[in-house]
Protein backbone atom coordinates (compact mmCIF):
# COMPACT_ATOMS: atom_id res chain seq x y z
CA MET A 1 -33.16 17.13 7.73
CA ASN A 2 -30.12 15.25 6.50
CA THR A 3 -26.49 16.10 5.98
CA ALA A 4 -24.18 15.29 3.15
CA LEU A 5 -20.42 15.56 2.89
CA ALA A 6 -18.96 16.34 -0.57
CA PHE A 7 -15.77 14.67 -1.78
CA GLY A 8 -15.66 16.61 -5.02
CA GLU A 9 -17.82 19.29 -6.57
CA TRP A 10 -21.55 18.76 -6.74
CA ARG A 11 -24.83 20.70 -6.85
CA PHE A 12 -27.44 19.84 -4.24
CA HIS A 13 -30.84 21.41 -5.02
CA GLY A 14 -28.89 24.05 -6.99
CA GLN A 15 -26.50 24.77 -4.16
CA ARG A 16 -22.81 24.40 -5.18
CA SER A 17 -20.67 22.33 -2.88
CA PHE A 18 -17.02 21.67 -2.82
CA HIS A 19 -14.49 19.14 -1.42
CA GLY A 20 -15.08 18.99 2.29
CA ASP A 21 -18.19 21.10 2.46
CA THR A 22 -21.40 19.92 4.17
CA PHE A 23 -24.95 20.70 3.12
CA SER A 24 -28.48 19.66 4.16
CA GLY A 25 -31.61 18.64 2.37
CA ASN A 26 -34.73 16.49 2.69
CA ALA A 27 -34.28 12.80 1.97
CA ASP A 28 -36.52 10.72 4.23
CA THR A 29 -35.09 7.34 3.23
CA PHE A 30 -31.75 7.83 4.94
CA SER A 31 -30.13 9.56 7.92
CA ARG A 32 -26.81 10.62 6.50
CA LEU A 33 -25.60 10.82 2.92
CA TYR A 34 -21.91 10.70 1.96
CA VAL A 35 -21.09 11.41 -1.73
CA VAL A 36 -17.78 9.75 -2.49
CA TRP A 37 -16.13 11.32 -5.51
CA ASP A 38 -12.92 13.18 -6.10
CA PRO A 39 -12.17 14.05 -9.74
CA PRO A 40 -8.82 15.70 -9.16
CA ARG A 41 -7.19 12.69 -7.56
CA PHE A 42 -9.26 9.77 -8.76
CA PRO A 43 -10.86 10.58 -12.11
CA ARG A 44 -11.73 6.93 -12.67
CA LEU A 45 -12.96 6.23 -9.16
CA LEU A 46 -16.59 6.09 -10.03
CA PRO A 47 -17.63 7.07 -13.70
CA PRO A 48 -20.18 9.81 -13.78
CA PRO A 49 -22.96 10.26 -13.65
CA PHE A 50 -25.40 7.32 -13.16
CA SER A 51 -23.06 4.55 -12.36
CA SER A 52 -21.61 6.59 -9.45
CA ALA A 53 -22.40 5.38 -5.95
CA LEU A 54 -23.96 7.03 -3.01
CA LEU A 55 -22.95 5.71 0.31
CA LEU A 56 -26.09 5.79 2.43
CA LEU A 57 -25.49 5.36 6.05
CA ASN A 58 -28.42 4.75 8.38
CA TYR A 59 -26.30 4.21 11.58
CA SER A 60 -26.02 0.43 11.58
CA SER A 61 -27.41 -0.09 8.11
CA LEU A 62 -25.61 0.37 4.83
CA PHE A 63 -27.28 0.53 1.42
CA LEU A 64 -26.08 1.11 -2.12
CA HIS A 65 -28.18 3.04 -4.62
CA SER A 66 -27.31 4.42 -8.05
CA LEU A 67 -27.40 8.07 -8.74
CA SER A 68 -30.19 7.50 -11.29
CA GLN A 69 -32.58 6.89 -8.31
CA TYR A 70 -31.71 10.36 -6.85
CA GLN A 71 -31.52 12.58 -9.87
CA ASP A 72 -33.75 15.07 -8.09
CA LEU A 73 -31.19 15.38 -5.25
CA LEU A 74 -27.91 15.59 -7.20
CA SER A 75 -26.66 16.63 -10.65
CA TYR A 76 -23.09 16.29 -11.73
CA PRO A 77 -21.70 19.58 -13.12
CA TRP A 78 -17.97 18.91 -13.26
CA LEU A 79 -16.23 18.85 -16.67
CA PRO A 80 -12.59 18.20 -17.46
CA SER A 81 -12.21 21.81 -18.72
CA THR A 82 -13.39 23.13 -15.33
CA ALA A 83 -10.75 22.53 -12.63
CA PRO A 84 -12.24 21.89 -9.24
CA PRO A 85 -11.02 23.90 -6.31
CA ALA A 86 -8.18 22.76 -4.14
CA PRO A 87 -9.15 20.43 -1.22
CA SER A 88 -10.21 22.21 1.93
CA SER A 89 -7.59 22.33 4.70
CA SER A 90 -10.14 20.65 6.94
CA ILE A 91 -9.86 17.48 4.86
CA SER A 92 -6.10 17.25 4.28
CA ASN A 93 -2.87 18.64 5.91
CA SER A 94 -1.23 21.74 4.60
CA SER A 95 0.01 21.74 1.04
CA PRO A 96 3.61 20.74 0.46
CA ARG A 97 6.52 23.12 0.29
CA PRO A 98 7.54 23.87 -3.31
CA SER A 99 11.08 22.78 -2.46
CA GLN A 100 10.07 19.29 -1.40
CA PRO A 101 11.57 16.58 -3.55
CA SER A 102 9.30 13.81 -4.90
CA LEU A 103 10.06 10.12 -4.29
CA LEU A 104 8.76 6.78 -5.37
CA VAL A 105 9.37 3.95 -3.00
CA PHE A 106 9.03 0.25 -3.81
CA SER A 107 8.44 -1.55 -0.53
CA GLY A 108 6.45 -4.02 1.51
CA GLY A 109 4.30 -3.19 4.52
CA THR A 110 6.82 -3.69 7.33
CA ALA A 111 10.50 -2.80 7.04
CA PHE A 112 10.11 0.67 5.51
CA ASN A 113 7.40 1.69 8.05
CA GLY A 114 10.08 2.44 10.56
CA VAL A 115 11.37 5.43 8.57
CA VAL A 116 8.07 6.77 7.20
CA GLU A 117 7.67 9.25 10.11
CA GLU A 118 11.14 10.59 9.62
CA LEU A 119 10.63 10.80 5.86
CA LYS A 120 7.78 13.27 6.54
CA GLN A 121 10.40 15.74 7.73
CA LEU A 122 12.04 15.72 4.31
CA THR A 123 8.97 15.50 2.08
CA THR A 124 5.36 14.39 1.97
CA ARG A 125 5.49 14.10 -1.85
CA VAL A 126 6.05 10.34 -1.80
CA ALA A 127 4.41 7.63 -3.85
CA HIS A 128 4.50 4.43 -1.88
CA VAL A 129 4.13 1.44 -4.20
CA LEU A 130 3.08 -1.78 -2.51
CA PRO A 131 2.27 -5.31 -3.64
CA VAL A 132 -1.20 -6.84 -3.11
CA SER A 133 -0.15 -10.48 -3.04
CA ASP A 134 0.39 -11.04 0.67
CA ASP A 135 -1.44 -14.25 1.81
CA GLY A 136 -0.39 -14.47 5.41
CA GLY A 137 -1.95 -13.55 8.76
CA SER A 138 -5.41 -12.07 8.96
CA THR A 139 -5.12 -10.98 5.32
CA ALA A 140 -5.10 -14.68 4.28
CA GLU A 141 -8.40 -15.31 6.09
CA ILE A 142 -10.07 -12.33 4.32
CA VAL A 143 -8.87 -13.47 0.92
CA ARG A 144 -9.91 -17.09 1.70
CA VAL A 145 -13.50 -16.21 2.55
CA LEU A 146 -14.19 -13.02 0.59
CA GLY A 147 -11.53 -13.18 -2.16
CA GLY A 148 -9.95 -10.07 -3.66
CA PRO A 149 -6.45 -8.64 -3.41
CA ALA A 150 -4.52 -8.52 -0.10
CA VAL A 151 -4.76 -5.17 1.63
CA GLY A 152 -2.59 -5.76 4.68
CA ASP A 153 0.56 -3.94 3.37
CA ILE A 154 -1.56 -1.02 2.05
CA ARG A 155 -3.39 -0.68 5.38
CA SER A 156 -0.11 -0.78 7.29
CA ARG A 157 1.40 2.02 5.28
CA CYS A 158 -1.78 4.10 5.41
CA LEU A 159 -1.74 3.90 9.24
CA ARG A 160 1.88 5.08 9.26
CA LEU A 161 1.06 8.10 7.13
CA SER A 162 -2.05 8.93 9.03
CA ASP A 163 -2.51 12.18 11.02
CA GLN A 164 -1.28 12.13 14.63
CA SER A 165 -1.82 15.92 15.44
CA ASN A 166 -4.81 15.71 17.73
CA ALA A 167 -6.61 13.38 20.10
CA GLU A 168 -9.28 12.24 17.64
CA ALA A 169 -6.69 11.47 14.95
CA LEU A 170 -4.83 9.28 17.49
CA ALA A 171 -8.08 7.56 18.45
CA VAL A 172 -8.89 6.70 14.87
CA ARG A 173 -5.39 5.49 14.29
CA ARG A 174 -5.62 3.32 17.47
CA LEU A 175 -8.92 1.82 16.33
CA LEU A 176 -7.85 1.00 12.78
CA GLY A 177 -4.42 -0.30 13.93
CA HIS A 178 -5.90 -2.63 16.53
CA ARG A 179 -5.50 -6.41 16.27
CA LEU A 180 -7.92 -8.80 17.87
CA PRO A 181 -6.67 -11.36 20.46
CA LEU A 182 -5.09 -14.60 19.21
CA ASP A 183 -7.65 -16.80 21.02
CA PRO A 184 -10.51 -17.31 18.46
CA LYS A 185 -13.29 -17.00 21.02
CA ASP A 186 -11.91 -13.86 22.62
CA ALA A 187 -11.24 -12.43 19.14
CA LYS A 188 -14.83 -13.01 18.01
CA SER A 189 -16.30 -11.58 21.23
CA GLN A 190 -14.14 -8.39 20.96
CA TRP A 191 -15.00 -8.00 17.30
CA TYR A 192 -18.70 -8.03 18.17
CA ASP A 193 -18.16 -5.38 20.70
CA ILE A 194 -16.32 -3.19 18.22
CA VAL A 195 -18.69 -3.62 15.33
CA GLY A 196 -21.61 -3.09 17.69
CA GLY A 197 -20.13 0.25 18.75
CA GLU A 198 -19.85 -0.78 22.37
CA HIS A 199 -16.05 -1.15 22.75
CA SER A 200 -13.89 1.45 24.50
CA PHE A 201 -11.86 1.89 21.26
CA TRP A 202 -14.64 4.12 19.99
CA LYS A 203 -13.96 6.62 22.81
CA GLY A 204 -12.53 9.84 21.36
CA VAL A 205 -13.88 9.20 17.82
CA SER A 206 -16.51 11.66 16.87
CA ARG A 207 -19.91 10.67 15.45
CA PRO A 208 -19.16 11.46 11.73
CA TYR A 209 -15.94 9.38 11.83
CA SER A 210 -17.46 6.54 13.96
CA GLU A 211 -20.55 6.24 11.64
CA THR A 212 -18.38 6.14 8.56
CA ILE A 213 -15.86 3.59 10.01
CA ARG A 214 -18.55 1.44 11.60
CA ALA A 215 -20.71 1.34 8.48
CA PHE A 216 -18.01 -0.39 6.54
CA LEU A 217 -17.17 -2.73 9.45
CA VAL A 218 -20.90 -3.67 9.45
CA TYR A 219 -20.77 -4.12 5.72
CA PHE A 220 -17.76 -6.45 6.10
CA GLN A 221 -19.58 -8.49 8.80
CA ASN A 222 -22.64 -8.71 6.53
CA GLU A 223 -20.40 -10.09 3.71
CA ILE A 224 -19.10 -12.81 5.92
CA LEU A 225 -22.64 -13.75 7.13
CA ARG A 226 -23.64 -14.10 3.52
CA ARG A 227 -21.21 -17.03 3.24
CA PRO A 228 -22.56 -19.42 5.83
CA ASN A 229 -20.42 -22.34 4.41
CA GLU A 230 -17.21 -20.51 5.26
CA SER A 231 -16.40 -20.05 8.92
CA PHE A 232 -14.39 -16.90 9.33
CA CYS A 233 -11.61 -16.88 12.02
CA PHE A 234 -11.17 -13.49 13.70
CA SER A 235 -7.98 -14.54 15.50
CA ASN A 236 -5.35 -11.78 15.42
CA GLY A 237 -7.50 -9.95 12.87
CA SER A 238 -6.83 -6.34 11.96
CA ILE A 239 -9.70 -3.88 12.29
CA GLY A 240 -8.00 -1.75 9.59
CA ASN A 241 -7.92 -4.75 7.24
CA PHE A 242 -11.68 -5.40 7.91
CA PHE A 243 -12.50 -1.75 7.22
CA PHE A 244 -10.40 -1.83 4.01
CA ALA A 245 -12.02 -5.14 2.82
CA GLY A 246 -15.55 -3.77 3.51
CA ALA A 247 -14.86 -0.60 1.58
CA ARG A 248 -13.24 -2.49 -1.34
CA ILE A 249 -16.14 -4.87 -1.70
CA PHE A 250 -18.70 -2.13 -1.30
CA PHE A 251 -17.17 0.09 -4.09
CA GLN A 252 -15.80 -2.78 -6.11
CA SER A 253 -12.66 -0.70 -6.32
CA LEU A 254 -9.34 -0.97 -4.48
CA ASP A 255 -8.51 2.63 -5.44
CA ALA A 256 -11.80 3.82 -3.92
CA ALA A 257 -11.07 1.89 -0.73
CA ILE A 258 -7.64 3.50 -0.40
CA PHE A 259 -9.10 6.96 -1.09
CA LEU A 260 -11.65 6.43 1.66
CA PHE A 261 -9.11 5.14 4.13
CA SER A 262 -6.84 8.15 3.25
CA ARG A 263 -9.63 10.60 4.01
CA VAL A 264 -10.68 8.88 7.21
CA SER A 265 -7.08 8.90 8.45
CA ASP A 266 -6.30 12.30 6.99
CA ILE A 267 -3.26 11.40 4.99
CA PRO A 268 -1.67 14.33 3.18
CA ALA A 269 -3.13 14.63 -0.32
CA GLU A 270 0.32 14.60 -1.89
CA SER A 271 1.28 11.29 -0.16
CA LEU A 272 0.07 8.49 -2.41
CA VAL A 273 -0.42 4.85 -1.50
CA LEU A 274 -0.54 2.94 -4.74
CA PRO A 275 -1.15 -0.80 -5.19
CA VAL A 276 1.18 -1.90 -7.93
CA ILE A 277 -1.71 -3.80 -9.51
CA SER A 278 -5.15 -2.16 -9.21
CA THR A 279 -7.56 -5.12 -9.13
CA ASN A 280 -10.47 -6.73 -7.36
CA ASP A 281 -9.23 -10.19 -8.02
CA ARG A 282 -7.12 -12.35 -5.81
CA LEU A 283 -3.37 -12.38 -6.80
CA THR A 284 -1.13 -15.36 -6.09
CA LEU A 285 2.64 -14.97 -5.99
CA GLY A 286 4.87 -17.81 -7.05
CA CYS A 287 8.63 -18.38 -7.12
CA GLU A 288 10.95 -20.63 -9.00
CA LEU A 289 14.11 -21.87 -7.21
CA TRP A 290 17.37 -22.58 -8.98
CA ASP A 291 16.82 -26.32 -8.46
CA GLY A 292 13.51 -26.07 -10.40
CA THR A 293 11.18 -26.13 -7.38
CA ILE A 294 8.03 -24.02 -7.59
CA ILE A 295 6.65 -22.52 -4.39
CA ARG A 296 3.11 -21.12 -4.43
CA GLY A 297 2.13 -18.19 -2.16
CA GLN A 298 4.08 -15.29 -0.70
CA ASN A 299 3.65 -16.66 2.84
CA GLU A 300 5.17 -20.08 1.82
CA ILE A 301 8.09 -18.35 0.13
CA SER A 302 8.92 -15.89 2.88
CA HIS A 303 7.78 -17.23 6.27
CA PRO A 304 5.69 -20.42 6.20
CA THR A 305 3.49 -20.90 9.26
CA ASN A 306 2.21 -24.37 8.66
CA GLY A 307 -1.35 -23.07 8.32
CA PHE A 308 -1.59 -21.67 11.85
CA MET A 309 -3.04 -18.19 12.44
CA GLN A 310 -0.17 -16.47 14.28
CA PRO A 311 1.95 -13.23 14.15
CA ILE A 312 4.51 -13.35 11.37
CA ASP A 313 8.18 -13.59 12.28
CA LYS A 314 10.38 -12.93 9.29
CA GLY A 315 13.62 -13.55 11.02
CA CYS A 316 15.94 -15.99 9.12
CA SER A 317 16.39 -18.33 12.17
CA SER A 318 12.72 -18.69 12.76
CA VAL A 319 11.91 -20.69 9.56
CA PRO A 320 13.61 -23.52 7.67
CA ALA A 321 15.99 -22.53 4.88
CA LEU A 322 14.91 -22.82 1.28
CA PRO A 323 16.33 -25.91 -0.51
CA SER A 324 17.75 -23.62 -3.15
CA ARG A 325 18.14 -19.94 -3.86
CA ILE A 326 15.31 -18.04 -5.50
CA LYS A 327 15.69 -17.66 -9.35
CA ARG A 328 12.57 -15.46 -9.97
CA VAL A 329 9.16 -14.55 -8.72
CA PHE A 330 6.08 -14.44 -10.91
CA TYR A 331 2.27 -14.25 -10.71
CA MET A 332 0.19 -17.38 -11.17
CA SER A 333 -3.54 -18.15 -11.37
CA SER A 334 -5.27 -18.64 -8.10
CA GLU A 335 -5.51 -22.46 -8.54
CA GLY A 336 -2.19 -22.87 -10.36
CA ARG A 337 0.62 -25.04 -9.02
CA ASN A 338 3.44 -24.56 -11.50
CA SER A 339 4.97 -22.14 -14.03
CA LEU A 340 2.51 -23.32 -16.69
CA HIS A 341 -0.12 -21.31 -14.77
CA GLU A 342 1.80 -18.04 -14.93
CA VAL A 343 -0.32 -14.94 -15.52
CA PHE A 344 0.76 -11.40 -16.52
CA PRO A 345 -1.32 -8.80 -14.68
CA MET A 346 -1.18 -5.11 -15.82
CA VAL A 347 0.68 -2.63 -13.74
CA ASN A 348 -1.27 0.23 -12.18
CA ALA A 349 -1.09 3.15 -14.62
CA SER A 350 -0.73 5.60 -11.74
CA VAL A 351 2.52 3.87 -10.71
CA LEU A 352 3.95 4.31 -14.27
CA ASP A 353 2.84 7.96 -14.18
CA GLN A 354 4.59 8.66 -10.85
CA LEU A 355 7.63 6.64 -11.90
CA SER A 356 8.07 8.87 -14.91
CA ASN A 357 8.16 12.13 -12.95
CA VAL A 358 9.60 11.66 -9.48
CA ASP A 359 13.01 13.10 -8.43
CA CYS A 360 14.25 9.86 -6.86
CA ILE A 361 13.38 6.10 -6.97
CA VAL A 362 13.97 4.00 -3.91
CA TYR A 363 14.11 0.22 -3.50
CA ALA A 364 13.35 -0.17 0.23
CA MET A 365 14.86 -2.65 2.59
CA GLY A 366 12.73 -5.61 3.51
CA SER A 367 11.95 -9.04 1.99
CA LEU A 368 13.58 -8.74 -1.39
CA PHE A 369 11.60 -11.34 -3.37
CA THR A 370 8.17 -11.01 -1.72
CA SER A 371 8.02 -7.27 -0.88
CA VAL A 372 10.07 -5.44 -3.59
CA CYS A 373 10.30 -7.81 -6.56
CA PRO A 374 6.54 -8.38 -7.00
CA SER A 375 6.30 -4.73 -8.09
CA LEU A 376 9.39 -4.82 -10.27
CA VAL A 377 8.44 -7.85 -12.37
CA LEU A 378 5.59 -6.25 -14.04
CA ARG A 379 5.92 -5.07 -17.63
CA GLY A 380 6.58 -1.33 -17.96
CA ILE A 381 8.39 -0.86 -14.70
CA GLY A 382 11.88 -1.72 -15.87
CA GLU A 383 11.38 0.24 -19.16
CA ILE A 384 10.69 3.48 -17.33
CA ILE A 385 13.31 3.05 -14.56
CA SER A 386 16.07 2.40 -17.06
CA SER A 387 15.16 5.54 -19.02
CA ARG A 388 15.21 7.90 -15.97
CA ASN A 389 18.13 10.20 -15.09
CA CYS A 390 17.71 10.43 -11.37
CA PRO A 391 18.98 8.91 -8.13
CA LYS A 392 17.98 5.21 -8.11
CA VAL A 393 18.74 4.05 -4.60
CA LEU A 394 18.89 0.59 -3.04
CA LEU A 395 18.50 0.50 0.70
CA LEU A 396 20.43 -2.71 1.67
CA ASN A 397 19.11 -4.88 4.40
CA GLY A 398 21.04 -5.09 7.61
CA THR A 399 20.56 -8.85 8.06
CA HIS A 400 19.90 -11.91 5.94
CA ASP A 401 16.43 -13.57 5.89
CA ARG A 402 15.05 -16.81 4.42
CA GLU A 403 14.93 -15.25 0.92
CA THR A 404 18.47 -13.88 0.78
CA SER A 405 20.47 -16.23 2.91
CA GLY A 406 24.13 -16.03 1.80
CA PHE A 407 23.61 -12.99 -0.40
CA SER A 408 26.22 -10.23 -0.82
CA ALA A 409 25.41 -6.68 -1.75
CA SER A 410 26.00 -7.42 -5.46
CA GLY A 411 23.64 -10.39 -5.15
CA PHE A 412 20.82 -8.05 -4.23
CA VAL A 413 21.67 -5.85 -7.20
CA THR A 414 21.74 -8.83 -9.56
CA SER A 415 18.31 -10.11 -8.34
CA ILE A 416 16.75 -6.72 -8.81
CA THR A 417 18.31 -6.30 -12.30
CA ASP A 418 17.14 -9.77 -13.39
CA THR A 419 13.68 -9.05 -12.14
CA LEU A 420 13.39 -5.64 -13.90
CA ASN A 421 14.76 -7.21 -17.01
CA ARG A 422 12.31 -10.12 -16.67
CA LYS A 423 15.36 -12.29 -17.53
CA TYR A 424 13.89 -15.66 -16.68
CA GLY A 425 10.29 -15.00 -17.58
CA ASP A 426 8.54 -14.65 -20.95
CA PRO A 427 11.35 -14.59 -23.52
CA ASP A 428 9.34 -12.24 -25.70
CA SER A 429 9.42 -9.46 -23.01
CA CYS A 430 12.86 -9.82 -21.47
CA MET A 431 15.39 -7.05 -21.61
CA GLU A 432 19.19 -6.79 -21.25
CA ASN A 433 19.69 -3.48 -19.37
CA LEU A 434 22.75 -3.12 -17.19
CA PRO A 435 22.53 -3.03 -13.36
CA ASN A 436 23.49 0.67 -13.21
CA GLN A 437 20.59 1.59 -15.34
CA TYR A 438 18.40 0.51 -12.49
CA ILE A 439 20.48 1.20 -9.45
CA ASN A 440 23.17 3.90 -9.17
CA THR A 441 23.51 4.35 -5.40
CA LEU A 442 23.66 1.86 -2.58
CA LEU A 443 22.94 2.88 1.02
CA VAL A 444 24.37 0.45 3.60
CA PRO A 445 23.55 0.25 7.31
CA LYS A 446 26.73 0.38 9.41
CA ASP A 447 27.64 -3.03 11.03
CA GLY A 448 25.15 -4.83 8.82
CA GLN A 449 25.55 -8.54 8.07
CA ILE A 450 25.45 -8.33 4.25
CA PRO A 451 29.02 -8.46 2.78
CA ILE A 452 29.86 -5.38 0.66
CA ASP A 453 31.72 -6.84 -2.31
CA VAL A 454 33.06 -3.58 -3.69
CA GLN A 455 34.83 -5.11 -6.72
CA CYS A 456 31.59 -6.87 -7.86
CA LEU A 457 29.62 -3.68 -7.39
CA THR A 458 32.18 -1.76 -9.40
CA SER A 459 31.96 -4.27 -12.17
CA GLN A 460 28.13 -3.73 -12.17
CA GLY A 461 28.80 0.02 -12.65
CA ILE A 462 27.78 1.00 -9.09
CA PHE A 463 30.38 3.35 -7.54
CA ASP A 464 28.34 5.29 -5.06
CA VAL A 465 28.23 3.15 -1.85
CA ILE A 466 27.32 5.14 1.23
CA MET A 467 27.44 3.89 4.93
CA VAL A 468 24.61 5.09 7.06
CA GLU A 469 24.39 5.05 10.84
CA SER A 470 22.44 2.03 12.20
CA LEU A 471 20.51 0.78 15.21
CA CYS A 472 20.21 -2.70 16.61
CA ASP A 473 16.60 -3.89 16.84
CA PRO A 474 16.20 -6.78 19.31
CA LYS A 475 13.64 -8.48 16.98
CA VAL A 476 15.25 -8.06 13.54
CA GLY A 477 18.83 -7.10 14.14
CA VAL A 478 20.70 -4.27 12.37
CA ILE A 479 18.46 -1.54 10.81
CA PHE A 480 19.02 1.90 9.47
CA ASN A 481 18.95 4.79 11.96
CA PRO A 482 15.84 6.59 10.47
CA LYS A 483 17.20 10.10 10.90
CA SER A 484 20.55 9.25 9.47
CA LEU A 485 18.96 7.46 6.50
CA ILE A 486 16.65 10.37 5.62
CA ASP A 487 19.49 12.91 6.03
CA THR A 488 21.59 10.80 3.66
CA LEU A 489 18.71 10.64 1.15
CA ALA A 490 18.18 14.45 1.37
CA ASN A 491 21.90 15.07 0.72
CA LEU A 492 21.99 12.71 -2.19
CA ILE A 493 18.83 14.12 -3.89
CA GLY A 494 19.98 17.72 -3.19
CA ARG A 495 23.45 16.98 -4.72
CA TYR A 496 21.89 15.34 -7.81
CA MET A 497 19.32 18.27 -8.35
CA ASN A 498 22.06 20.89 -7.90
CA THR A 499 24.23 19.11 -10.50
CA ASN A 500 21.34 19.07 -12.92
CA VAL A 501 20.73 22.75 -12.36
CA MET A 502 24.35 23.56 -13.10
CA LYS A 503 24.24 21.54 -16.33
CA ASP A 504 21.16 23.42 -17.43
């Protein structure tokens, strides 16, 4: 007898099953069957019926078969006119309060993570938009050997959003958040213990979870072994990144991998982690400096490491200064070396949909040109933001970094405006919108290092500049006090929504 878990609505031998239900049936060729499909959230995840995928887990083995081989087991009854039931509470957390505001946050995978937990107290209706062009750390090794988009920032945000309400949730989070040792031999040895199911990290993870997670780790390992000419370095590798990469390659879909990770880590259904570009291809970020220099690769722009596998330090003093300020960022072909190799990927349609409907748009603190601007430079983003009548909030950094050395507050605003206008890119797609069409509020950490040039901000049409309590982090310097930041955001959104109600 075998068990199947339904992520959607299916019929198994005539028995109707819904999201989160389990059912049993005879299928001698496998031990456990997981049907991965969720029409309400990912209608294009796997097109029905026969090109859909069944994830067949046989403990340490993983196989992919098409539905056409198992028509006697499953038939697909769902139609667009028939709305599937709401997800079971056993799969996701409780539904959001009706009064919760909705936010879209442009960020990278590090700086904004520190306020994610506090943000949950205000709302879980948040679309986190992240770039997929990071080419540093263990992400770089995955991309080098297996190709595909970078998943490190997405994995990092998913972990921050994951459930922490019980011992098993914490065990899953600990496993997927673990990094292997820096020493390559020690890292490889520990990896084999983990993928073999023998490491203590599996303690507290129940069999259904461990089978699912381990299956994709095994699949990732198998993909590496299929490339004998490429020696994979496990040093400082992220188990969550390996799981993500295995799922993405298996499904040939970044959205599907995010969906699976979200279910495994029990992220609230209304909290979305969206890659700004939904692709299976490698993406390379480039930048042009004001002196004409072209730099290839996010890592080289922000925090070059001279090719060594080591933890990233984004502090300004830890890396040499750029020879000139950054003029613009753009995407380039994987083998490109100059602006002649610029490419123009399509923005994720889900990002545009969220951007058109949220109550507040936030540009998060962090690496301006390599974390925030890679999302803003895409066609369609600036058009929608400029048309919205809602709070558009820039969270100013507390310190300078390599990318923004010498910047004032108005310099951040100018760079974001120029990026959204695509001012220095393709002349056929550039715009001339004003700064206050993109940013109408600036939140500043108290005692931060960035000069607040009020007169320049006023000339840009930005009059709402709010000081927020701060903390001093020994590694990165002045940062926002998370509670004060979220309280300020809540007051700002509430004030804006109340004003609109009075106008109506």
